[in-house]
Amino acid sequence: MNRSHLPLAGLRAFEAAARHLSVTKAASELCVTPGAVSQQVKLLEDVLGVALIQRKGRTIELTDAGQVLRPQVTQALDMISLACDAITRQPKSRTLRLTLLPTLAEKWLMPRLARFHGAHPELDIQMMTSFRPVQFDSDEVDMASYVGTDLPPGISGIRLFDDAFLPVCSPKLLENRPPLENPADVLQFTLLHSVSRADDWHQWLSLAGLPDAKPAHNLSFGNSSLSIRAALDGMGVAMVQRVYVAANLADGSLVAPFALTASSSKGYFFGWPTNQPMGPAFDLFRAWLLEEVAADQT
């Protein structure tokens, strides 16, 4: 087919639909309506004279012709994208785009970020927070946070710290009240929870030999950062990751009544696509992260 007659819009629509096996997801990626995707694919099929996609209920399948065409179109579009990146990356190579879990951003990265910015003021950092898993192939993100026993396939990264948590509270909470000497004593206080880590208190109490314990009162918050804020305000005893309150424990604004610490096999990571080309900003930030993690372990 003559290049001047290539139905490029149809090829993009077909490739996205074929990759997702969903017209709806393709439409979301391309920022158009599902009807527009279907129309472009139909126009492509009319030009080629063969069916590429067949619908089965709410799903779609590729025909034999579609299965032949899809990898070739994907490879061609990827090559075009890489070529465009190569000629446009230089102006963007000084920008680093991060998407992180809210508490990780606030309690781990932000207290350290001034050091990185002071050393590299020429770099631009764009940081967003979200609980939604990042899709590197569609989101404009260079690096994202992960929690798990390991990173997903195709993702490289740095393990920042292990998952270890313990109860903490404000010293003023204990004023004019019996001291917290035994784990069972904590049940007379309001327990502060993060809904994203709803099982942490149960795990810690079970480790303390109190698997069936029933606290007097509970308060739940959307993330660990809010639980820490509530603990600082004297609202109760929070179960939080030790790394997030290290500075508070050091300055005395929070205390850990018990040495007992619960943990899991999970870790907190910064990750990025293994095969994605990165610029100078990424390389400098990754090197700095490695230094920060090494310093934490000494």
C-alpha atoms as a PDB file:
ATOM      1  CA  MET A   1       0.000   0.000   0.000  1.00  0.00           C
ATOM      2  CA  ASN A   2       1.239   3.452  -0.886  1.00  0.00           C
ATOM      3  CA  ARG A   3       2.387   5.356   2.222  1.00  0.00           C
ATOM      4  CA  SER A   4       0.245   8.314   1.299  1.00  0.00           C
ATOM      5  CA  HIS A   5      -2.823   6.093   1.635  1.00  0.00           C
ATOM      6  CA  LEU A   6      -1.967   4.560   5.018  1.00  0.00           C
ATOM      7  CA  PRO A   7      -4.958   4.966   7.396  1.00  0.00           C
ATOM      8  CA  LEU A   8      -2.846   6.015  10.387  1.00  0.00           C
ATOM      9  CA  ALA A   9      -5.773   6.868  12.673  1.00  0.00           C
ATOM     10  CA  GLY A  10      -7.297   3.473  11.996  1.00  0.00           C
ATOM     11  CA  LEU A  11      -4.001   1.709  12.642  1.00  0.00           C
ATOM     12  CA  ARG A  12      -3.629   3.473  16.012  1.00  0.00           C
ATOM     13  CA  ALA A  13      -7.188   2.589  16.982  1.00  0.00           C
ATOM     14  CA  PHE A  14      -6.773  -1.032  15.894  1.00  0.00           C
ATOM     15  CA  GLU A  15      -3.442  -1.429  17.703  1.00  0.00           C
ATOM     16  CA  ALA A  16      -4.824  -0.084  20.988  1.00  0.00           C
ATOM     17  CA  ALA A  17      -7.971  -2.206  20.778  1.00  0.00           C
ATOM     18  CA  ALA A  18      -5.966  -5.300  19.844  1.00  0.00           C
ATOM     19  CA  ARG A  19      -3.465  -4.755  22.660  1.00  0.00           C
ATOM     20  CA  HIS A  20      -6.154  -4.315  25.304  1.00  0.00           C
ATOM     21  CA  LEU A  21      -8.681  -6.661  23.648  1.00  0.00           C
ATOM     22  CA  SER A  22     -11.124  -3.943  24.622  1.00  0.00           C
ATOM     23  CA  VAL A  23     -12.593  -1.063  22.659  1.00  0.00           C
ATOM     24  CA  THR A  24     -13.406   0.759  25.902  1.00  0.00           C
ATOM     25  CA  LYS A  25      -9.820   0.595  27.207  1.00  0.00           C
ATOM     26  CA  ALA A  26      -8.486   1.615  23.812  1.00  0.00           C
ATOM     27  CA  ALA A  27     -10.804   4.619  23.815  1.00  0.00           C
ATOM     28  CA  SER A  28      -9.590   5.611  27.293  1.00  0.00           C
ATOM     29  CA  GLU A  29      -5.956   5.395  26.187  1.00  0.00           C
ATOM     30  CA  LEU A  30      -6.565   7.415  23.031  1.00  0.00           C
ATOM     31  CA  CYS A  31      -8.866   9.932  24.785  1.00  0.00           C
ATOM     32  CA  VAL A  32     -11.752   9.323  22.383  1.00  0.00           C
ATOM     33  CA  THR A  33     -15.112   7.598  22.613  1.00  0.00           C
ATOM     34  CA  PRO A  34     -15.522   3.829  22.106  1.00  0.00           C
ATOM     35  CA  GLY A  35     -17.664   4.650  19.088  1.00  0.00           C
ATOM     36  CA  ALA A  36     -14.790   6.578  17.520  1.00  0.00           C
ATOM     37  CA  VAL A  37     -12.444   3.619  18.009  1.00  0.00           C
ATOM     38  CA  SER A  38     -14.950   1.219  16.435  1.00  0.00           C
ATOM     39  CA  GLN A  39     -15.477   3.592  13.503  1.00  0.00           C
ATOM     40  CA  GLN A  40     -11.742   3.953  12.840  1.00  0.00           C
ATOM     41  CA  VAL A  41     -11.241   0.176  12.985  1.00  0.00           C
ATOM     42  CA  LYS A  42     -14.158  -0.324  10.590  1.00  0.00           C
ATOM     43  CA  LEU A  43     -12.681   2.207   8.154  1.00  0.00           C
ATOM     44  CA  LEU A  44      -9.332   0.378   8.347  1.00  0.00           C
ATOM     45  CA  GLU A  45     -11.044  -2.934   7.645  1.00  0.00           C
ATOM     46  CA  ASP A  46     -12.842  -1.392   4.664  1.00  0.00           C
ATOM     47  CA  VAL A  47      -9.553  -0.098   3.256  1.00  0.00           C
ATOM     48  CA  LEU A  48      -7.805  -3.449   3.725  1.00  0.00           C
ATOM     49  CA  GLY A  49     -10.792  -5.493   2.650  1.00  0.00           C
ATOM     50  CA  VAL A  50     -10.488  -7.939   5.572  1.00  0.00           C
ATOM     51  CA  ALA A  51     -11.966  -8.220   9.047  1.00  0.00           C
ATOM     52  CA  LEU A  52      -9.455  -7.600  11.852  1.00  0.00           C
ATOM     53  CA  ILE A  53     -11.613  -7.818  14.974  1.00  0.00           C
ATOM     54  CA  GLN A  54     -14.634  -9.901  15.809  1.00  0.00           C
ATOM     55  CA  ARG A  55     -16.892  -9.238  18.766  1.00  0.00           C
ATOM     56  CA  LYS A  56     -18.013 -11.937  21.190  1.00  0.00           C
ATOM     57  CA  GLY A  57     -20.455 -10.497  23.657  1.00  0.00           C
ATOM     58  CA  ARG A  58     -18.686  -7.745  25.576  1.00  0.00           C
ATOM     59  CA  THR A  59     -15.220  -8.869  24.517  1.00  0.00           C
ATOM     60  CA  ILE A  60     -13.340  -8.791  21.229  1.00  0.00           C
ATOM     61  CA  GLU A  61     -11.030 -11.245  19.526  1.00  0.00           C
ATOM     62  CA  LEU A  62      -8.563 -10.851  16.689  1.00  0.00           C
ATOM     63  CA  THR A  63      -9.174 -12.586  13.416  1.00  0.00           C
ATOM     64  CA  ASP A  64      -6.304 -14.388  11.696  1.00  0.00           C
ATOM     65  CA  ALA A  65      -5.604 -11.214   9.720  1.00  0.00           C
ATOM     66  CA  GLY A  66      -5.705  -9.142  12.926  1.00  0.00           C
ATOM     67  CA  GLN A  67      -3.215 -11.446  14.609  1.00  0.00           C
ATOM     68  CA  VAL A  68      -0.820 -10.997  11.696  1.00  0.00           C
ATOM     69  CA  LEU A  69      -1.191  -7.218  11.580  1.00  0.00           C
ATOM     70  CA  ARG A  70      -1.144  -6.383  15.300  1.00  0.00           C
ATOM     71  CA  PRO A  71       2.539  -7.134  16.176  1.00  0.00           C
ATOM     72  CA  GLN A  72       3.750  -5.349  13.062  1.00  0.00           C
ATOM     73  CA  VAL A  73       1.721  -2.221  13.845  1.00  0.00           C
ATOM     74  CA  THR A  74       2.787  -2.293  17.499  1.00  0.00           C
ATOM     75  CA  GLN A  75       6.449  -2.533  16.535  1.00  0.00           C
ATOM     76  CA  ALA A  76       6.115   0.274  13.988  1.00  0.00           C
ATOM     77  CA  LEU A  77       4.374   2.592  16.465  1.00  0.00           C
ATOM     78  CA  ASP A  78       6.936   1.771  19.146  1.00  0.00           C
ATOM     79  CA  MET A  79       9.759   2.664  16.759  1.00  0.00           C
ATOM     80  CA  ILE A  80       8.074   5.951  15.886  1.00  0.00           C
ATOM     81  CA  SER A  81       7.576   6.706  19.592  1.00  0.00           C
ATOM     82  CA  LEU A  82      11.220   5.960  20.396  1.00  0.00           C
ATOM     83  CA  ALA A  83      12.406   8.144  17.535  1.00  0.00           C
ATOM     84  CA  CYS A  84      10.222  11.009  18.759  1.00  0.00           C
ATOM     85  CA  ASP A  85      11.538  10.525  22.295  1.00  0.00           C
ATOM     86  CA  ALA A  86      15.092  10.623  21.011  1.00  0.00           C
ATOM     87  CA  ILE A  87      14.668  14.041  19.404  1.00  0.00           C
ATOM     88  CA  THR A  88      12.506  15.545  22.154  1.00  0.00           C
ATOM     89  CA  ARG A  89      14.030  14.054  25.315  1.00  0.00           C
ATOM     90  CA  GLN A  90      16.833  16.572  25.617  1.00  0.00           C
ATOM     91  CA  PRO A  91      14.560  19.445  26.719  1.00  0.00           C
ATOM     92  CA  LYS A  92      12.738  17.050  29.078  1.00  0.00           C
ATOM     93  CA  SER A  93      15.829  15.276  30.367  1.00  0.00           C
ATOM     94  CA  ARG A  94      15.971  17.699  33.275  1.00  0.00           C
ATOM     95  CA  THR A  95      12.501  16.720  34.472  1.00  0.00           C
ATOM     96  CA  LEU A  96      11.718  13.785  36.747  1.00  0.00           C
ATOM     97  CA  ARG A  97       8.105  12.650  37.155  1.00  0.00           C
ATOM     98  CA  LEU A  98       7.173  10.624  40.243  1.00  0.00           C
ATOM     99  CA  THR A  99       3.925   8.996  41.369  1.00  0.00           C
ATOM    100  CA  LEU A 100       4.071   7.782  44.965  1.00  0.00           C
ATOM    101  CA  LEU A 101       1.886   6.502  47.763  1.00  0.00           C
ATOM    102  CA  PRO A 102       0.785   9.516  49.860  1.00  0.00           C
ATOM    103  CA  THR A 103       2.474   8.571  53.148  1.00  0.00           C
ATOM    104  CA  LEU A 104       5.660   7.419  51.429  1.00  0.00           C
ATOM    105  CA  ALA A 105       5.866  10.783  49.686  1.00  0.00           C
ATOM    106  CA  GLU A 106       5.154  12.827  52.811  1.00  0.00           C
ATOM    107  CA  LYS A 107       6.992  10.878  55.499  1.00  0.00           C
ATOM    108  CA  TRP A 108       9.920   9.285  53.641  1.00  0.00           C
ATOM    109  CA  LEU A 109      10.747  11.340  50.561  1.00  0.00           C
ATOM    110  CA  MET A 110       9.776  14.898  51.490  1.00  0.00           C
ATOM    111  CA  PRO A 111      12.046  15.177  54.565  1.00  0.00           C
ATOM    112  CA  ARG A 112      14.979  14.167  52.342  1.00  0.00           C
ATOM    113  CA  LEU A 113      14.099  15.939  49.116  1.00  0.00           C
ATOM    114  CA  ALA A 114      15.638  19.273  50.115  1.00  0.00           C
ATOM    115  CA  ARG A 115      19.059  17.593  50.102  1.00  0.00           C
ATOM    116  CA  PHE A 116      18.585  16.352  46.548  1.00  0.00           C
ATOM    117  CA  HIS A 117      17.168  19.659  45.341  1.00  0.00           C
ATOM    118  CA  GLY A 118      20.023  21.548  46.985  1.00  0.00           C
ATOM    119  CA  ALA A 119      22.553  19.411  45.155  1.00  0.00           C
ATOM    120  CA  HIS A 120      20.693  19.580  41.816  1.00  0.00           C
ATOM    121  CA  PRO A 121      18.634  22.804  41.669  1.00  0.00           C
ATOM    122  CA  GLU A 122      18.703  22.677  37.871  1.00  0.00           C
ATOM    123  CA  LEU A 123      16.377  19.647  37.827  1.00  0.00           C
ATOM    124  CA  ASP A 124      12.593  19.855  37.795  1.00  0.00           C
ATOM    125  CA  ILE A 125      10.671  17.343  39.896  1.00  0.00           C
ATOM    126  CA  GLN A 126       6.977  16.666  39.357  1.00  0.00           C
ATOM    127  CA  MET A 127       5.556  14.573  42.202  1.00  0.00           C
ATOM    128  CA  MET A 128       2.027  13.218  42.386  1.00  0.00           C
ATOM    129  CA  THR A 129       0.459  10.953  45.019  1.00  0.00           C
ATOM    130  CA  SER A 130      -1.976   8.152  44.289  1.00  0.00           C
ATOM    131  CA  PHE A 131      -3.052   4.702  45.454  1.00  0.00           C
ATOM    132  CA  ARG A 132      -3.762   3.715  41.833  1.00  0.00           C
ATOM    133  CA  PRO A 133      -1.195   1.397  40.248  1.00  0.00           C
ATOM    134  CA  VAL A 134       0.854   3.235  37.621  1.00  0.00           C
ATOM    135  CA  GLN A 135       0.586   2.190  33.972  1.00  0.00           C
ATOM    136  CA  PHE A 136       3.939   3.218  32.537  1.00  0.00           C
ATOM    137  CA  ASP A 137       2.824   2.621  28.959  1.00  0.00           C
ATOM    138  CA  SER A 138       0.100   5.253  29.243  1.00  0.00           C
ATOM    139  CA  ASP A 139       0.915   7.444  32.265  1.00  0.00           C
ATOM    140  CA  GLU A 140       3.588  10.116  31.934  1.00  0.00           C
ATOM    141  CA  VAL A 141       5.666   8.824  34.853  1.00  0.00           C
ATOM    142  CA  ASP A 142       9.371   8.030  35.191  1.00  0.00           C
ATOM    143  CA  MET A 143       9.307   6.350  38.594  1.00  0.00           C
ATOM    144  CA  ALA A 144       6.615   5.030  40.929  1.00  0.00           C
ATOM    145  CA  SER A 145       6.316   3.416  44.350  1.00  0.00           C
ATOM    146  CA  TYR A 146       5.474  -0.230  44.924  1.00  0.00           C
ATOM    147  CA  VAL A 147       4.678  -2.337  47.974  1.00  0.00           C
ATOM    148  CA  GLY A 148       5.133  -6.108  47.857  1.00  0.00           C
ATOM    149  CA  THR A 149       7.495  -9.011  48.257  1.00  0.00           C
ATOM    150  CA  ASP A 150       9.085  -8.141  44.918  1.00  0.00           C
ATOM    151  CA  LEU A 151       8.641  -5.901  41.898  1.00  0.00           C
ATOM    152  CA  PRO A 152       6.316  -6.880  39.025  1.00  0.00           C
ATOM    153  CA  PRO A 153       7.808  -8.411  35.857  1.00  0.00           C
ATOM    154  CA  GLY A 154       9.367  -5.805  33.594  1.00  0.00           C
ATOM    155  CA  ILE A 155       9.977  -3.384  36.462  1.00  0.00           C
ATOM    156  CA  SER A 156      13.406  -2.638  37.936  1.00  0.00           C
ATOM    157  CA  GLY A 157      13.864  -0.734  41.161  1.00  0.00           C
ATOM    158  CA  ILE A 158      15.343  -0.028  44.557  1.00  0.00           C
ATOM    159  CA  ARG A 159      14.059  -1.522  47.817  1.00  0.00           C
ATOM    160  CA  LEU A 160      13.799   1.427  50.191  1.00  0.00           C
ATOM    161  CA  PHE A 161      12.913  -0.296  53.454  1.00  0.00           C
ATOM    162  CA  ASP A 162      11.216  -3.349  54.929  1.00  0.00           C
ATOM    163  CA  ASP A 163       7.670  -3.387  56.255  1.00  0.00           C
ATOM    164  CA  ALA A 164       7.971  -3.087  60.063  1.00  0.00           C
ATOM    165  CA  PHE A 165       5.359  -1.460  62.289  1.00  0.00           C
ATOM    166  CA  LEU A 166       4.709  -0.763  65.973  1.00  0.00           C
ATOM    167  CA  PRO A 167       2.420   1.295  68.233  1.00  0.00           C
ATOM    168  CA  VAL A 168       3.271   4.955  68.881  1.00  0.00           C
ATOM    169  CA  CYS A 169       1.555   7.783  70.705  1.00  0.00           C
ATOM    170  CA  SER A 170       2.096  11.306  71.948  1.00  0.00           C
ATOM    171  CA  PRO A 171       3.658  11.623  75.430  1.00  0.00           C
ATOM    172  CA  LYS A 172       0.776  13.888  76.417  1.00  0.00           C
ATOM    173  CA  LEU A 173      -1.657  11.002  75.848  1.00  0.00           C
ATOM    174  CA  LEU A 174      -0.067   9.199  78.805  1.00  0.00           C
ATOM    175  CA  GLU A 175      -0.260  12.131  81.188  1.00  0.00           C
ATOM    176  CA  ASN A 176      -2.446  11.411  84.227  1.00  0.00           C
ATOM    177  CA  ARG A 177      -3.127   7.893  82.958  1.00  0.00           C
ATOM    178  CA  PRO A 178      -1.711   4.496  83.925  1.00  0.00           C
ATOM    179  CA  PRO A 179       1.482   3.724  81.990  1.00  0.00           C
ATOM    180  CA  LEU A 180       1.503   1.371  79.034  1.00  0.00           C
ATOM    181  CA  GLU A 181       3.520  -1.439  80.577  1.00  0.00           C
ATOM    182  CA  ASN A 182       1.961  -4.523  78.969  1.00  0.00           C
ATOM    183  CA  PRO A 183       0.491  -4.945  75.458  1.00  0.00           C
ATOM    184  CA  ALA A 184      -2.968  -5.561  76.954  1.00  0.00           C
ATOM    185  CA  ASP A 185      -2.886  -2.052  78.457  1.00  0.00           C
ATOM    186  CA  VAL A 186      -3.199  -0.513  75.002  1.00  0.00           C
ATOM    187  CA  LEU A 187      -6.751  -1.861  74.706  1.00  0.00           C
ATOM    188  CA  GLN A 188      -7.953   0.839  77.133  1.00  0.00           C
ATOM    189  CA  PHE A 189      -6.918   3.532  74.647  1.00  0.00           C
ATOM    190  CA  THR A 190      -8.357   4.551  71.286  1.00  0.00           C
ATOM    191  CA  LEU A 191      -6.543   2.628  68.563  1.00  0.00           C
ATOM    192  CA  LEU A 192      -5.767   4.609  65.404  1.00  0.00           C
ATOM    193  CA  HIS A 193      -5.882   2.697  62.110  1.00  0.00           C
ATOM    194  CA  SER A 194      -5.059   3.312  58.457  1.00  0.00           C
ATOM    195  CA  VAL A 195      -7.720   1.765  56.217  1.00  0.00           C
ATOM    196  CA  SER A 196      -5.024   0.888  53.683  1.00  0.00           C
ATOM    197  CA  ARG A 197      -3.343  -1.221  56.406  1.00  0.00           C
ATOM    198  CA  ALA A 198      -6.417  -2.441  58.224  1.00  0.00           C
ATOM    199  CA  ASP A 199      -4.842  -5.657  59.562  1.00  0.00           C
ATOM    200  CA  ASP A 200      -1.753  -4.136  61.207  1.00  0.00           C
ATOM    201  CA  TRP A 201      -3.207  -3.838  64.712  1.00  0.00           C
ATOM    202  CA  HIS A 202      -4.479  -7.410  64.612  1.00  0.00           C
ATOM    203  CA  GLN A 203      -1.062  -8.674  63.493  1.00  0.00           C
ATOM    204  CA  TRP A 204       0.727  -6.813  66.274  1.00  0.00           C
ATOM    205  CA  LEU A 205      -1.741  -7.889  68.972  1.00  0.00           C
ATOM    206  CA  SER A 206      -1.481 -11.497  67.776  1.00  0.00           C
ATOM    207  CA  LEU A 207       2.313 -11.273  67.995  1.00  0.00           C
ATOM    208  CA  ALA A 208       1.861  -9.950  71.538  1.00  0.00           C
ATOM    209  CA  GLY A 209      -0.231 -13.003  72.428  1.00  0.00           C
ATOM    210  CA  LEU A 210      -3.613 -11.224  72.171  1.00  0.00           C
ATOM    211  CA  PRO A 211      -5.170 -12.513  68.922  1.00  0.00           C
ATOM    212  CA  ASP A 212      -8.761 -12.088  70.178  1.00  0.00           C
ATOM    213  CA  ALA A 213      -8.297  -8.689  71.805  1.00  0.00           C
ATOM    214  CA  LYS A 214     -11.090  -6.130  71.534  1.00  0.00           C
ATOM    215  CA  PRO A 215     -10.052  -2.475  71.945  1.00  0.00           C
ATOM    216  CA  ALA A 216     -12.314  -0.033  73.745  1.00  0.00           C
ATOM    217  CA  HIS A 217     -12.385   2.455  70.854  1.00  0.00           C
ATOM    218  CA  ASN A 218     -11.154   2.704  67.256  1.00  0.00           C
ATOM    219  CA  LEU A 219     -10.583   5.523  64.780  1.00  0.00           C
ATOM    220  CA  SER A 220      -9.747   4.861  61.116  1.00  0.00           C
ATOM    221  CA  PHE A 221      -8.111   7.185  58.592  1.00  0.00           C
ATOM    222  CA  GLY A 222      -7.511   7.092  54.848  1.00  0.00           C
ATOM    223  CA  ASN A 223      -3.751   6.655  55.109  1.00  0.00           C
ATOM    224  CA  SER A 224      -0.933   6.248  57.618  1.00  0.00           C
ATOM    225  CA  SER A 225       0.002   9.918  57.438  1.00  0.00           C
ATOM    226  CA  LEU A 226      -3.360  10.878  58.910  1.00  0.00           C
ATOM    227  CA  SER A 227      -2.978   8.227  61.626  1.00  0.00           C
ATOM    228  CA  ILE A 228       0.390   9.734  62.570  1.00  0.00           C
ATOM    229  CA  ARG A 229      -1.151  13.209  62.659  1.00  0.00           C
ATOM    230  CA  ALA A 230      -3.891  11.941  64.966  1.00  0.00           C
ATOM    231  CA  ALA A 231      -1.293  10.346  67.244  1.00  0.00           C
ATOM    232  CA  LEU A 232       0.668  13.617  67.399  1.00  0.00           C
ATOM    233  CA  ASP A 233      -2.556  15.360  68.415  1.00  0.00           C
ATOM    234  CA  GLY A 234      -3.031  12.928  71.293  1.00  0.00           C
ATOM    235  CA  MET A 235      -6.103  11.225  69.866  1.00  0.00           C
ATOM    236  CA  GLY A 236      -4.918   7.694  70.562  1.00  0.00           C
ATOM    237  CA  VAL A 237      -2.278   5.060  69.828  1.00  0.00           C
ATOM    238  CA  ALA A 238      -1.370   4.575  66.159  1.00  0.00           C
ATOM    239  CA  MET A 239       0.048   1.493  64.492  1.00  0.00           C
ATOM    240  CA  VAL A 240       2.506   2.818  61.905  1.00  0.00           C
ATOM    241  CA  GLN A 241       5.608   1.845  59.968  1.00  0.00           C
ATOM    242  CA  ARG A 242       8.666   2.536  62.087  1.00  0.00           C
ATOM    243  CA  VAL A 243      10.506   4.338  59.278  1.00  0.00           C
ATOM    244  CA  TYR A 244       7.735   6.932  58.971  1.00  0.00           C
ATOM    245  CA  VAL A 245       8.027   8.034  62.603  1.00  0.00           C
ATOM    246  CA  ALA A 246      11.792   7.735  63.109  1.00  0.00           C
ATOM    247  CA  ALA A 247      12.197  11.524  63.315  1.00  0.00           C
ATOM    248  CA  ASN A 248       9.257  11.852  65.732  1.00  0.00           C
ATOM    249  CA  LEU A 249      10.674   9.174  68.004  1.00  0.00           C
ATOM    250  CA  ALA A 250      14.061  10.883  67.895  1.00  0.00           C
ATOM    251  CA  ASP A 251      12.700  14.327  68.860  1.00  0.00           C
ATOM    252  CA  GLY A 252      10.275  12.955  71.438  1.00  0.00           C
ATOM    253  CA  SER A 253       7.058  14.171  69.803  1.00  0.00           C
ATOM    254  CA  LEU A 254       6.039  10.498  69.694  1.00  0.00           C
ATOM    255  CA  VAL A 255       7.008   7.596  71.927  1.00  0.00           C
ATOM    256  CA  ALA A 256       6.960   3.850  71.342  1.00  0.00           C
ATOM    257  CA  PRO A 257       5.643   2.278  74.562  1.00  0.00           C
ATOM    258  CA  PHE A 258       6.682  -1.229  73.476  1.00  0.00           C
ATOM    259  CA  ALA A 259       9.798  -2.533  71.759  1.00  0.00           C
ATOM    260  CA  LEU A 260       7.754  -5.269  70.112  1.00  0.00           C
ATOM    261  CA  THR A 261       7.701  -4.683  66.338  1.00  0.00           C
ATOM    262  CA  ALA A 262       5.629  -6.621  63.811  1.00  0.00           C
ATOM    263  CA  SER A 263       6.796  -7.142  60.242  1.00  0.00           C
ATOM    264  CA  SER A 264       5.892  -8.781  56.974  1.00  0.00           C
ATOM    265  CA  SER A 265       7.817 -10.085  53.992  1.00  0.00           C
ATOM    266  CA  LYS A 266       6.819  -7.010  51.988  1.00  0.00           C
ATOM    267  CA  GLY A 267       9.050  -4.091  51.153  1.00  0.00           C
ATOM    268  CA  TYR A 268       8.639  -0.558  49.823  1.00  0.00           C
ATOM    269  CA  PHE A 269      10.204   0.124  46.411  1.00  0.00           C
ATOM    270  CA  PHE A 270      10.814   2.830  43.862  1.00  0.00           C
ATOM    271  CA  GLY A 271      10.420   1.208  40.445  1.00  0.00           C
ATOM    272  CA  TRP A 272      10.646   1.992  36.734  1.00  0.00           C
ATOM    273  CA  PRO A 273      10.274   0.060  33.444  1.00  0.00           C
ATOM    274  CA  THR A 274      13.317  -2.107  32.837  1.00  0.00           C
ATOM    275  CA  ASN A 275      13.611  -1.254  29.141  1.00  0.00           C
ATOM    276  CA  GLN A 276      12.584   2.404  29.266  1.00  0.00           C
ATOM    277  CA  PRO A 277      15.348   4.869  28.290  1.00  0.00           C
ATOM    278  CA  MET A 278      16.027   7.440  31.002  1.00  0.00           C
ATOM    279  CA  GLY A 279      17.672  10.844  31.040  1.00  0.00           C
ATOM    280  CA  PRO A 280      20.180  12.594  33.318  1.00  0.00           C
ATOM    281  CA  ALA A 281      17.547  13.590  35.908  1.00  0.00           C
ATOM    282  CA  PHE A 282      16.564   9.964  36.397  1.00  0.00           C
ATOM    283  CA  ASP A 283      20.187   8.798  36.670  1.00  0.00           C
ATOM    284  CA  LEU A 284      21.019  11.438  39.282  1.00  0.00           C
ATOM    285  CA  PHE A 285      17.890  10.708  41.325  1.00  0.00           C
ATOM    286  CA  ARG A 286      18.482   6.950  41.248  1.00  0.00           C
ATOM    287  CA  ALA A 287      22.071   7.398  42.438  1.00  0.00           C
ATOM    288  CA  TRP A 288      20.859   9.673  45.236  1.00  0.00           C
ATOM    289  CA  LEU A 289      18.207   7.130  46.291  1.00  0.00           C
ATOM    290  CA  LEU A 290      20.868   4.431  46.572  1.00  0.00           C
ATOM    291  CA  GLU A 291      22.909   6.727  48.818  1.00  0.00           C
ATOM    292  CA  GLU A 292      19.884   7.448  51.035  1.00  0.00           C
ATOM    293  CA  VAL A 293      19.028   3.765  51.401  1.00  0.00           C
ATOM    294  CA  ALA A 294      22.643   2.911  52.196  1.00  0.00           C
ATOM    295  CA  ALA A 295      22.770   5.678  54.817  1.00  0.00           C
ATOM    296  CA  ASP A 296      19.592   4.323  56.471  1.00  0.00           C
ATOM    297  CA  GLN A 297      21.174   0.892  56.787  1.00  0.00           C
ATOM    298  CA  THR A 298      24.338   2.091  58.567  1.00  0.00           C
END
